[in-house]
C-alpha cells in the first residue's frame, strides 16, 4: 500500500529577533533532513487572502506524517526550538498528503 506523505507547514505570525530565527534555521534544517524532510518553499507570502499575513511561510514534505512528527519531537529539533526562543511567534501544522 502507498503511504501518504506528510507536509509540515510553518507560518510565522511575527518575527522579533531575526538572529534567533537564523540560529533556529541552522539547527532545524539538519533535524528535518535527518528524518527525510525536504524543504519545498521558504519565503514571505507573495499574495495573501482572507486572514492571510505577509510573513515567512515554510513548507516541507516528509515520507510520512509519522516522519514529520518524529522530526518535530526529536532532540535535535528541540535544540533548534531552544535557539529560536522568543524570536518569533509561529504556527506549525503537520498534515496528511493525498496519496
PDB file of N, CA and C in Angstrom:
ATOM      1  N   UNK A   1       0.836  -1.184   0.000  1.00  0.00           N
ATOM      2  CA  UNK A   1       0.000   0.000   0.000  1.00  0.00           C
ATOM      3  C   UNK A   1       0.884   1.253   0.000  1.00  0.00           C
ATOM      4  N   UNK A   2       0.372   2.313  -0.552  1.00  0.00           N
ATOM      5  CA  UNK A   2       1.098   3.579  -0.644  1.00  0.00           C
ATOM      6  C   UNK A   2       0.903   4.376   0.649  1.00  0.00           C
ATOM      7  N   UNK A   3       2.000   4.852   1.206  1.00  0.00           N
ATOM      8  CA  UNK A   3       1.930   5.686   2.406  1.00  0.00           C
ATOM      9  C   UNK A   3       1.862   7.142   1.949  1.00  0.00           C
ATOM     10  N   UNK A   4       0.863   7.855   2.441  1.00  0.00           N
ATOM     11  CA  UNK A   4       0.723   9.266   2.084  1.00  0.00           C
ATOM     12  C   UNK A   4       1.846  10.078   2.723  1.00  0.00           C
ATOM     13  N   UNK A   5       2.309  11.057   1.994  1.00  0.00           N
ATOM     14  CA  UNK A   5       3.360  11.934   2.509  1.00  0.00           C
ATOM     15  C   UNK A   5       2.814  12.828   3.608  1.00  0.00           C
ATOM     16  N   UNK A   6       3.713  13.310   4.431  1.00  0.00           N
ATOM     17  CA  UNK A   6       3.367  14.272   5.469  1.00  0.00           C
ATOM     18  C   UNK A   6       3.908  15.637   5.089  1.00  0.00           C
ATOM     19  N   UNK A   7       3.108  16.658   5.263  1.00  0.00           N
ATOM     20  CA  UNK A   7       3.529  18.026   4.970  1.00  0.00           C
ATOM     21  C   UNK A   7       3.571  18.825   6.262  1.00  0.00           C
ATOM     22  N   UNK A   8       4.657  19.538   6.471  1.00  0.00           N
ATOM     23  CA  UNK A   8       4.870  20.365   7.651  1.00  0.00           C
ATOM     24  C   UNK A   8       4.804  21.807   7.169  1.00  0.00           C
ATOM     25  N   UNK A   9       3.846  22.547   7.689  1.00  0.00           N
ATOM     26  CA  UNK A   9       3.638  23.934   7.290  1.00  0.00           C
ATOM     27  C   UNK A   9       3.876  24.826   8.503  1.00  0.00           C
ATOM     28  N   UNK A  10       4.825  25.729   8.378  1.00  0.00           N
ATOM     29  CA  UNK A  10       5.103  26.696   9.437  1.00  0.00           C
ATOM     30  C   UNK A  10       4.761  28.084   8.920  1.00  0.00           C
ATOM     31  N   UNK A  11       3.893  28.774   9.637  1.00  0.00           N
ATOM     32  CA  UNK A  11       3.596  30.158   9.299  1.00  0.00           C
ATOM     33  C   UNK A  11       4.056  31.037  10.454  1.00  0.00           C
ATOM     34  N   UNK A  12       4.827  32.014  10.111  1.00  0.00           N
ATOM     35  CA  UNK A  12       5.313  32.981  11.095  1.00  0.00           C
ATOM     36  C   UNK A  12       4.286  34.099  11.210  1.00  0.00           C
ATOM     37  N   UNK A  13       3.854  34.373  12.414  1.00  0.00           N
ATOM     38  CA  UNK A  13       2.910  35.462  12.657  1.00  0.00           C
ATOM     39  C   UNK A  13       3.662  36.761  12.892  1.00  0.00           C
ATOM     40  N   UNK A  14       4.814  36.664  13.549  1.00  0.00           N
ATOM     41  CA  UNK A  14       5.682  37.830  13.741  1.00  0.00           C
ATOM     42  C   UNK A  14       7.088  37.352  14.052  1.00  0.00           C
ATOM     43  N   UNK A  15       8.065  38.168  13.678  1.00  0.00           N
ATOM     44  CA  UNK A  15       9.473  37.897  13.970  1.00  0.00           C
ATOM     45  C   UNK A  15      10.003  39.099  14.741  1.00  0.00           C
ATOM     46  N   UNK A  16      10.478  38.848  15.956  1.00  0.00           N
ATOM     47  CA  UNK A  16      11.002  39.936  16.782  1.00  0.00           C
ATOM     48  C   UNK A  16      12.527  39.947  16.832  1.00  0.00           C
ATOM     49  N   UNK A  17      13.165  38.812  16.486  1.00  0.00           N
ATOM     50  CA  UNK A  17      14.627  38.736  16.520  1.00  0.00           C
ATOM     51  C   UNK A  17      15.099  37.829  15.388  1.00  0.00           C
ATOM     52  N   UNK A  18      15.483  38.445  14.269  1.00  0.00           N
ATOM     53  CA  UNK A  18      15.870  37.661  13.094  1.00  0.00           C
ATOM     54  C   UNK A  18      17.117  36.823  13.364  1.00  0.00           C
ATOM     55  N   UNK A  19      18.001  37.256  14.242  1.00  0.00           N
ATOM     56  CA  UNK A  19      19.194  36.457  14.534  1.00  0.00           C
ATOM     57  C   UNK A  19      18.814  35.142  15.212  1.00  0.00           C
ATOM     58  N   UNK A  20      17.777  35.153  16.047  1.00  0.00           N
ATOM     59  CA  UNK A  20      17.302  33.911  16.670  1.00  0.00           C
ATOM     60  C   UNK A  20      16.655  33.001  15.622  1.00  0.00           C
ATOM     61  N   UNK A  21      15.930  33.585  14.680  1.00  0.00           N
ATOM     62  CA  UNK A  21      15.321  32.793  13.605  1.00  0.00           C
ATOM     63  C   UNK A  21      16.423  32.148  12.759  1.00  0.00           C
ATOM     64  N   UNK A  22      17.475  32.898  12.467  1.00  0.00           N
ATOM     65  CA  UNK A  22      18.592  32.348  11.691  1.00  0.00           C
ATOM     66  C   UNK A  22      19.305  31.236  12.450  1.00  0.00           C
ATOM     67  N   UNK A  23      19.489  31.396  13.760  1.00  0.00           N
ATOM     68  CA  UNK A  23      20.099  30.347  14.583  1.00  0.00           C
ATOM     69  C   UNK A  23      19.243  29.093  14.609  1.00  0.00           C
ATOM     70  N   UNK A  24      17.926  29.292  14.709  1.00  0.00           N
ATOM     71  CA  UNK A  24      16.978  28.179  14.643  1.00  0.00           C
ATOM     72  C   UNK A  24      17.115  27.442  13.314  1.00  0.00           C
ATOM     73  N   UNK A  25      17.128  28.189  12.212  1.00  0.00           N
ATOM     74  CA  UNK A  25      17.159  27.585  10.879  1.00  0.00           C
ATOM     75  C   UNK A  25      18.400  26.719  10.672  1.00  0.00           C
ATOM     76  N   UNK A  26      19.534  27.150  11.206  1.00  0.00           N
ATOM     77  CA  UNK A  26      20.780  26.378  11.060  1.00  0.00           C
ATOM     78  C   UNK A  26      20.666  25.008  11.728  1.00  0.00           C
ATOM     79  N   UNK A  27      19.920  24.933  12.829  1.00  0.00           N
ATOM     80  CA  UNK A  27      19.752  23.664  13.545  1.00  0.00           C
ATOM     81  C   UNK A  27      18.541  22.874  13.047  1.00  0.00           C
ATOM     82  N   UNK A  28      17.486  23.575  12.666  1.00  0.00           N
ATOM     83  CA  UNK A  28      16.253  22.896  12.243  1.00  0.00           C
ATOM     84  C   UNK A  28      16.441  22.153  10.930  1.00  0.00           C
ATOM     85  N   UNK A  29      17.163  22.753   9.991  1.00  0.00           N
ATOM     86  CA  UNK A  29      17.362  22.118   8.683  1.00  0.00           C
ATOM     87  C   UNK A  29      17.901  20.699   8.797  1.00  0.00           C
ATOM     88  N   UNK A  30      19.042  20.502   9.470  1.00  0.00           N
ATOM     89  CA  UNK A  30      19.575  19.143   9.607  1.00  0.00           C
ATOM     90  C   UNK A  30      18.637  18.202  10.366  1.00  0.00           C
ATOM     91  N   UNK A  31      17.904  18.719  11.365  1.00  0.00           N
ATOM     92  CA  UNK A  31      16.971  17.875  12.126  1.00  0.00           C
ATOM     93  C   UNK A  31      15.838  17.393  11.231  1.00  0.00           C
ATOM     94  N   UNK A  32      15.374  18.259  10.369  1.00  0.00           N
ATOM     95  CA  UNK A  32      14.282  17.909   9.448  1.00  0.00           C
ATOM     96  C   UNK A  32      14.788  16.951   8.372  1.00  0.00           C
ATOM     97  N   UNK A  33      15.940  17.274   7.794  1.00  0.00           N
ATOM     98  CA  UNK A  33      16.500  16.429   6.737  1.00  0.00           C
ATOM     99  C   UNK A  33      16.867  15.039   7.242  1.00  0.00           C
ATOM    100  N   UNK A  34      17.259  14.914   8.516  1.00  0.00           N
ATOM    101  CA  UNK A  34      17.636  13.618   9.092  1.00  0.00           C
ATOM    102  C   UNK A  34      16.467  12.640   9.117  1.00  0.00           C
ATOM    103  N   UNK A  35      15.253  13.160   9.088  1.00  0.00           N
ATOM    104  CA  UNK A  35      14.057  12.300   9.087  1.00  0.00           C
ATOM    105  C   UNK A  35      13.370  12.277   7.731  1.00  0.00           C
ATOM    106  N   UNK A  36      14.119  12.608   6.697  1.00  0.00           N
ATOM    107  CA  UNK A  36      13.591  12.517   5.335  1.00  0.00           C
ATOM    108  C   UNK A  36      12.865  13.751   4.853  1.00  0.00           C
ATOM    109  N   UNK A  37      12.890  14.827   5.632  1.00  0.00           N
ATOM    110  CA  UNK A  37      12.198  16.049   5.242  1.00  0.00           C
ATOM    111  C   UNK A  37      12.946  16.811   4.157  1.00  0.00           C
ATOM    112  N   UNK A  38      12.186  17.412   3.265  1.00  0.00           N
ATOM    113  CA  UNK A  38      12.741  18.220   2.177  1.00  0.00           C
ATOM    114  C   UNK A  38      11.985  19.544   2.157  1.00  0.00           C
ATOM    115  N   UNK A  39      12.723  20.644   2.136  1.00  0.00           N
ATOM    116  CA  UNK A  39      12.082  21.954   2.042  1.00  0.00           C
ATOM    117  C   UNK A  39      11.549  22.161   0.627  1.00  0.00           C
ATOM    118  N   UNK A  40      10.285  22.542   0.520  1.00  0.00           N
ATOM    119  CA  UNK A  40       9.681  22.834  -0.772  1.00  0.00           C
ATOM    120  C   UNK A  40       9.546  24.335  -1.005  1.00  0.00           C
ATOM    121  N   UNK A  41       9.331  25.083   0.054  1.00  0.00           N
ATOM    122  CA  UNK A  41       9.179  26.536  -0.066  1.00  0.00           C
ATOM    123  C   UNK A  41       9.570  27.188   1.245  1.00  0.00           C
ATOM    124  N   UNK A  42      10.180  28.371   1.135  1.00  0.00           N
ATOM    125  CA  UNK A  42      10.537  29.169   2.313  1.00  0.00           C
ATOM    126  C   UNK A  42      10.640  30.612   1.861  1.00  0.00           C
ATOM    127  N   UNK A  43       9.580  31.379   2.098  1.00  0.00           N
ATOM    128  CA  UNK A  43       9.597  32.776   1.673  1.00  0.00           C
ATOM    129  C   UNK A  43       8.456  33.548   2.324  1.00  0.00           C
ATOM    130  N   UNK A  44       8.532  34.849   2.158  1.00  0.00           N
ATOM    131  CA  UNK A  44       7.418  35.715   2.524  1.00  0.00           C
ATOM    132  C   UNK A  44       6.314  35.457   1.508  1.00  0.00           C
ATOM    133  N   UNK A  45       5.070  35.477   1.942  1.00  0.00           N
ATOM    134  CA  UNK A  45       3.952  35.244   1.029  1.00  0.00           C
ATOM    135  C   UNK A  45       3.974  36.254  -0.115  1.00  0.00           C
ATOM    136  N   UNK A  46       3.762  35.785  -1.314  1.00  0.00           N
ATOM    137  CA  UNK A  46       3.682  36.643  -2.495  1.00  0.00           C
ATOM    138  C   UNK A  46       2.318  37.334  -2.531  1.00  0.00           C
ATOM    139  N   UNK A  47       1.288  36.597  -2.166  1.00  0.00           N
ATOM    140  CA  UNK A  47      -0.072  37.138  -2.105  1.00  0.00           C
ATOM    141  C   UNK A  47      -0.767  36.496  -0.919  1.00  0.00           C
ATOM    142  N   UNK A  48      -1.643  37.231  -0.278  1.00  0.00           N
ATOM    143  CA  UNK A  48      -2.408  36.686   0.843  1.00  0.00           C
ATOM    144  C   UNK A  48      -3.883  36.979   0.622  1.00  0.00           C
ATOM    145  N   UNK A  49      -4.731  36.127   1.175  1.00  0.00           N
ATOM    146  CA  UNK A  49      -6.172  36.264   1.042  1.00  0.00           C
ATOM    147  C   UNK A  49      -6.835  35.944   2.372  1.00  0.00           C
ATOM    148  N   UNK A  50      -8.033  36.406   2.539  1.00  0.00           N
ATOM    149  CA  UNK A  50      -8.823  36.182   3.745  1.00  0.00           C
ATOM    150  C   UNK A  50      -8.028  36.628   4.966  1.00  0.00           C
ATOM    151  N   UNK A  51      -7.674  35.734   5.879  1.00  0.00           N
ATOM    152  CA  UNK A  51      -6.947  36.146   7.088  1.00  0.00           C
ATOM    153  C   UNK A  51      -5.432  35.979   6.936  1.00  0.00           C
ATOM    154  N   UNK A  52      -4.958  35.831   5.691  1.00  0.00           N
ATOM    155  CA  UNK A  52      -3.536  35.612   5.443  1.00  0.00           C
ATOM    156  C   UNK A  52      -2.676  36.789   5.834  1.00  0.00           C
ATOM    157  N   UNK A  53      -1.436  36.486   6.220  1.00  0.00           N
ATOM    158  CA  UNK A  53      -0.475  37.506   6.630  1.00  0.00           C
ATOM    159  C   UNK A  53       0.756  37.405   5.740  1.00  0.00           C
ATOM    160  N   UNK A  54       1.317  38.544   5.348  1.00  0.00           N
ATOM    161  CA  UNK A  54       2.555  38.548   4.548  1.00  0.00           C
ATOM    162  C   UNK A  54       3.748  38.415   5.482  1.00  0.00           C
ATOM    163  N   UNK A  55       3.978  37.207   5.916  1.00  0.00           N
ATOM    164  CA  UNK A  55       5.104  36.903   6.785  1.00  0.00           C
ATOM    165  C   UNK A  55       5.712  35.602   6.271  1.00  0.00           C
ATOM    166  N   UNK A  56       6.802  35.189   6.860  1.00  0.00           N
ATOM    167  CA  UNK A  56       7.514  33.992   6.414  1.00  0.00           C
ATOM    168  C   UNK A  56       6.637  32.742   6.538  1.00  0.00           C
ATOM    169  N   UNK A  57       6.650  31.915   5.495  1.00  0.00           N
ATOM    170  CA  UNK A  57       5.982  30.618   5.490  1.00  0.00           C
ATOM    171  C   UNK A  57       6.987  29.580   5.009  1.00  0.00           C
ATOM    172  N   UNK A  58       7.007  28.419   5.670  1.00  0.00           N
ATOM    173  CA  UNK A  58       7.921  27.345   5.286  1.00  0.00           C
ATOM    174  C   UNK A  58       7.101  26.079   5.067  1.00  0.00           C
ATOM    175  N   UNK A  59       7.337  25.398   3.953  1.00  0.00           N
ATOM    176  CA  UNK A  59       6.649  24.151   3.618  1.00  0.00           C
ATOM    177  C   UNK A  59       7.687  23.061   3.392  1.00  0.00           C
ATOM    178  N   UNK A  60       7.533  21.958   4.117  1.00  0.00           N
ATOM    179  CA  UNK A  60       8.423  20.802   3.976  1.00  0.00           C
ATOM    180  C   UNK A  60       7.580  19.560   3.727  1.00  0.00           C
ATOM    181  N   UNK A  61       8.162  18.591   3.023  1.00  0.00           N
ATOM    182  CA  UNK A  61       7.486  17.316   2.794  1.00  0.00           C
ATOM    183  C   UNK A  61       8.329  16.201   3.394  1.00  0.00           C
ATOM    184  N   UNK A  62       7.636  15.215   3.953  1.00  0.00           N
ATOM    185  CA  UNK A  62       8.269  14.043   4.566  1.00  0.00           C
ATOM    186  C   UNK A  62       7.694  12.782   3.936  1.00  0.00           C
ATOM    187  N   UNK A  63       8.417  11.665   4.035  1.00  0.00           N
ATOM    188  CA  UNK A  63       7.895  10.405   3.506  1.00  0.00           C
ATOM    189  C   UNK A  63       6.538  10.026   4.110  1.00  0.00           C
ATOM    190  N   UNK A  64       6.291  10.441   5.365  1.00  0.00           N
ATOM    191  CA  UNK A  64       5.015  10.133   6.023  1.00  0.00           C
ATOM    192  C   UNK A  64       4.758  11.154   7.131  1.00  0.00           C
ATOM    193  N   UNK A  65       3.521  11.205   7.611  1.00  0.00           N
ATOM    194  CA  UNK A  65       3.187  12.052   8.755  1.00  0.00           C
ATOM    195  C   UNK A  65       4.007  11.624   9.970  1.00  0.00           C
ATOM    196  N   UNK A  66       4.181  10.318  10.157  1.00  0.00           N
ATOM    197  CA  UNK A  66       4.956   9.830  11.295  1.00  0.00           C
ATOM    198  C   UNK A  66       6.386  10.368  11.272  1.00  0.00           C
ATOM    199  N   UNK A  67       6.985  10.460  10.072  1.00  0.00           N
ATOM    200  CA  UNK A  67       8.341  11.002   9.961  1.00  0.00           C
ATOM    201  C   UNK A  67       8.365  12.482  10.331  1.00  0.00           C
ATOM    202  N   UNK A  68       7.353  13.225   9.912  1.00  0.00           N
ATOM    203  CA  UNK A  68       7.279  14.653  10.244  1.00  0.00           C
ATOM    204  C   UNK A  68       7.135  14.843  11.752  1.00  0.00           C
ATOM    205  N   UNK A  69       6.284  14.062  12.370  1.00  0.00           N
ATOM    206  CA  UNK A  69       6.091  14.157  13.824  1.00  0.00           C
ATOM    207  C   UNK A  69       7.374  13.757  14.554  1.00  0.00           C
ATOM    208  N   UNK A  70       8.032  12.707  14.079  1.00  0.00           N
ATOM    209  CA  UNK A  70       9.291  12.275  14.703  1.00  0.00           C
ATOM    210  C   UNK A  70      10.343  13.372  14.608  1.00  0.00           C
ATOM    211  N   UNK A  71      10.387  14.085  13.493  1.00  0.00           N
ATOM    212  CA  UNK A  71      11.340  15.192  13.348  1.00  0.00           C
ATOM    213  C   UNK A  71      11.040  16.282  14.363  1.00  0.00           C
ATOM    214  N   UNK A  72       9.765  16.616  14.504  1.00  0.00           N
ATOM    215  CA  UNK A  72       9.382  17.674  15.446  1.00  0.00           C
ATOM    216  C   UNK A  72       9.684  17.273  16.888  1.00  0.00           C
ATOM    217  N   UNK A  73       9.558  15.998  17.205  1.00  0.00           N
ATOM    218  CA  UNK A  73       9.763  15.524  18.572  1.00  0.00           C
ATOM    219  C   UNK A  73      11.210  15.131  18.867  1.00  0.00           C
ATOM    220  N   UNK A  74      12.105  15.275  17.887  1.00  0.00           N
ATOM    221  CA  UNK A  74      13.494  14.835  18.064  1.00  0.00           C
ATOM    222  C   UNK A  74      14.285  15.789  18.962  1.00  0.00           C
ATOM    223  N   UNK A  75      15.366  15.256  19.531  1.00  0.00           N
ATOM    224  CA  UNK A  75      16.231  16.065  20.387  1.00  0.00           C
ATOM    225  C   UNK A  75      16.907  17.181  19.604  1.00  0.00           C
ATOM    226  N   UNK A  76      17.309  16.889  18.347  1.00  0.00           N
ATOM    227  CA  UNK A  76      17.983  17.936  17.585  1.00  0.00           C
ATOM    228  C   UNK A  76      17.028  19.061  17.197  1.00  0.00           C
ATOM    229  N   UNK A  77      15.755  18.743  16.963  1.00  0.00           N
ATOM    230  CA  UNK A  77      14.793  19.820  16.691  1.00  0.00           C
ATOM    231  C   UNK A  77      14.509  20.610  17.971  1.00  0.00           C
ATOM    232  N   UNK A  78      14.505  19.939  19.117  1.00  0.00           N
ATOM    233  CA  UNK A  78      14.328  20.638  20.396  1.00  0.00           C
ATOM    234  C   UNK A  78      15.437  21.671  20.592  1.00  0.00           C
ATOM    235  N   UNK A  79      16.652  21.339  20.164  1.00  0.00           N
ATOM    236  CA  UNK A  79      17.762  22.292  20.249  1.00  0.00           C
ATOM    237  C   UNK A  79      17.496  23.507  19.355  1.00  0.00           C
ATOM    238  N   UNK A  80      16.894  23.260  18.186  1.00  0.00           N
ATOM    239  CA  UNK A  80      16.544  24.368  17.291  1.00  0.00           C
ATOM    240  C   UNK A  80      15.504  25.271  17.946  1.00  0.00           C
ATOM    241  N   UNK A  81      14.515  24.674  18.600  1.00  0.00           N
ATOM    242  CA  UNK A  81      13.483  25.462  19.289  1.00  0.00           C
ATOM    243  C   UNK A  81      14.082  26.284  20.423  1.00  0.00           C
ATOM    244  N   UNK A  82      15.063  25.721  21.111  1.00  0.00           N
ATOM    245  CA  UNK A  82      15.738  26.464  22.174  1.00  0.00           C
ATOM    246  C   UNK A  82      16.458  27.675  21.581  1.00  0.00           C
ATOM    247  N   UNK A  83      17.106  27.492  20.429  1.00  0.00           N
ATOM    248  CA  UNK A  83      17.801  28.604  19.768  1.00  0.00           C
ATOM    249  C   UNK A  83      16.806  29.680  19.333  1.00  0.00           C
ATOM    250  N   UNK A  84      15.622  29.281  18.899  1.00  0.00           N
ATOM    251  CA  UNK A  84      14.597  30.242  18.474  1.00  0.00           C
ATOM    252  C   UNK A  84      14.083  31.038  19.662  1.00  0.00           C
ATOM    253  N   UNK A  85      13.856  30.353  20.773  1.00  0.00           N
ATOM    254  CA  UNK A  85      13.379  31.026  21.972  1.00  0.00           C
ATOM    255  C   UNK A  85      12.170  31.894  21.694  1.00  0.00           C
ATOM    256  N   UNK A  86      12.276  33.172  22.060  1.00  0.00           N
ATOM    257  CA  UNK A  86      11.174  34.109  21.859  1.00  0.00           C
ATOM    258  C   UNK A  86      11.377  34.978  20.620  1.00  0.00           C
ATOM    259  N   UNK A  87      12.167  34.493  19.660  1.00  0.00           N
ATOM    260  CA  UNK A  87      12.481  35.272  18.464  1.00  0.00           C
ATOM    261  C   UNK A  87      11.365  35.395  17.454  1.00  0.00           C
ATOM    262  N   UNK A  88      10.324  34.561  17.587  1.00  0.00           N
ATOM    263  CA  UNK A  88       9.215  34.605  16.628  1.00  0.00           C
ATOM    264  C   UNK A  88       7.979  33.967  17.238  1.00  0.00           C
ATOM    265  N   UNK A  89       6.839  34.379  16.716  1.00  0.00           N
ATOM    266  CA  UNK A  89       5.557  33.731  17.032  1.00  0.00           C
ATOM    267  C   UNK A  89       5.155  33.005  15.767  1.00  0.00           C
ATOM    268  N   UNK A  90       4.905  31.695  15.896  1.00  0.00           N
ATOM    269  CA  UNK A  90       4.645  30.864  14.719  1.00  0.00           C
ATOM    270  C   UNK A  90       3.490  29.920  14.969  1.00  0.00           C
ATOM    271  N   UNK A  91       3.020  29.339  13.892  1.00  0.00           N
ATOM    272  CA  UNK A  91       2.059  28.243  13.957  1.00  0.00           C
ATOM    273  C   UNK A  91       2.620  27.122  13.089  1.00  0.00           C
ATOM    274  N   UNK A  92       2.585  25.907  13.602  1.00  0.00           N
ATOM    275  CA  UNK A  92       3.056  24.745  12.840  1.00  0.00           C
ATOM    276  C   UNK A  92       1.899  23.767  12.700  1.00  0.00           C
ATOM    277  N   UNK A  93       1.721  23.288  11.483  1.00  0.00           N
ATOM    278  CA  UNK A  93       0.725  22.242  11.218  1.00  0.00           C
ATOM    279  C   UNK A  93       1.413  21.124  10.457  1.00  0.00           C
ATOM    280  N   UNK A  94       1.122  19.901  10.837  1.00  0.00           N
ATOM    281  CA  UNK A  94       1.559  18.726  10.083  1.00  0.00           C
ATOM    282  C   UNK A  94       0.297  18.101   9.527  1.00  0.00           C
ATOM    283  N   UNK A  95       0.250  17.980   8.205  1.00  0.00           N
ATOM    284  CA  UNK A  95      -0.960  17.486   7.548  1.00  0.00           C
ATOM    285  C   UNK A  95      -0.643  16.291   6.665  1.00  0.00           C
ATOM    286  N   UNK A  96      -1.646  15.475   6.478  1.00  0.00           N
ATOM    287  CA  UNK A  96      -1.541  14.284   5.635  1.00  0.00           C
ATOM    288  C   UNK A  96      -1.727  14.666   4.182  1.00  0.00           C
ATOM    289  N   UNK A  97      -0.794  14.246   3.348  1.00  0.00           N
ATOM    290  CA  UNK A  97      -0.911  14.496   1.908  1.00  0.00           C
ATOM    291  C   UNK A  97      -1.900  13.549   1.267  1.00  0.00           C
ATOM    292  N   UNK A  98      -2.353  13.908   0.117  1.00  0.00           N
ATOM    293  CA  UNK A  98      -3.245  12.994  -0.607  1.00  0.00           C
ATOM    294  C   UNK A  98      -2.388  11.977  -1.319  1.00  0.00           C
ATOM    295  N   UNK A  99      -2.769  10.747  -1.238  1.00  0.00           N
ATOM    296  CA  UNK A  99      -1.962   9.655  -1.800  1.00  0.00           C
ATOM    297  C   UNK A  99      -2.058   9.614  -3.309  1.00  0.00           C
TER     298      UNK A  99
END
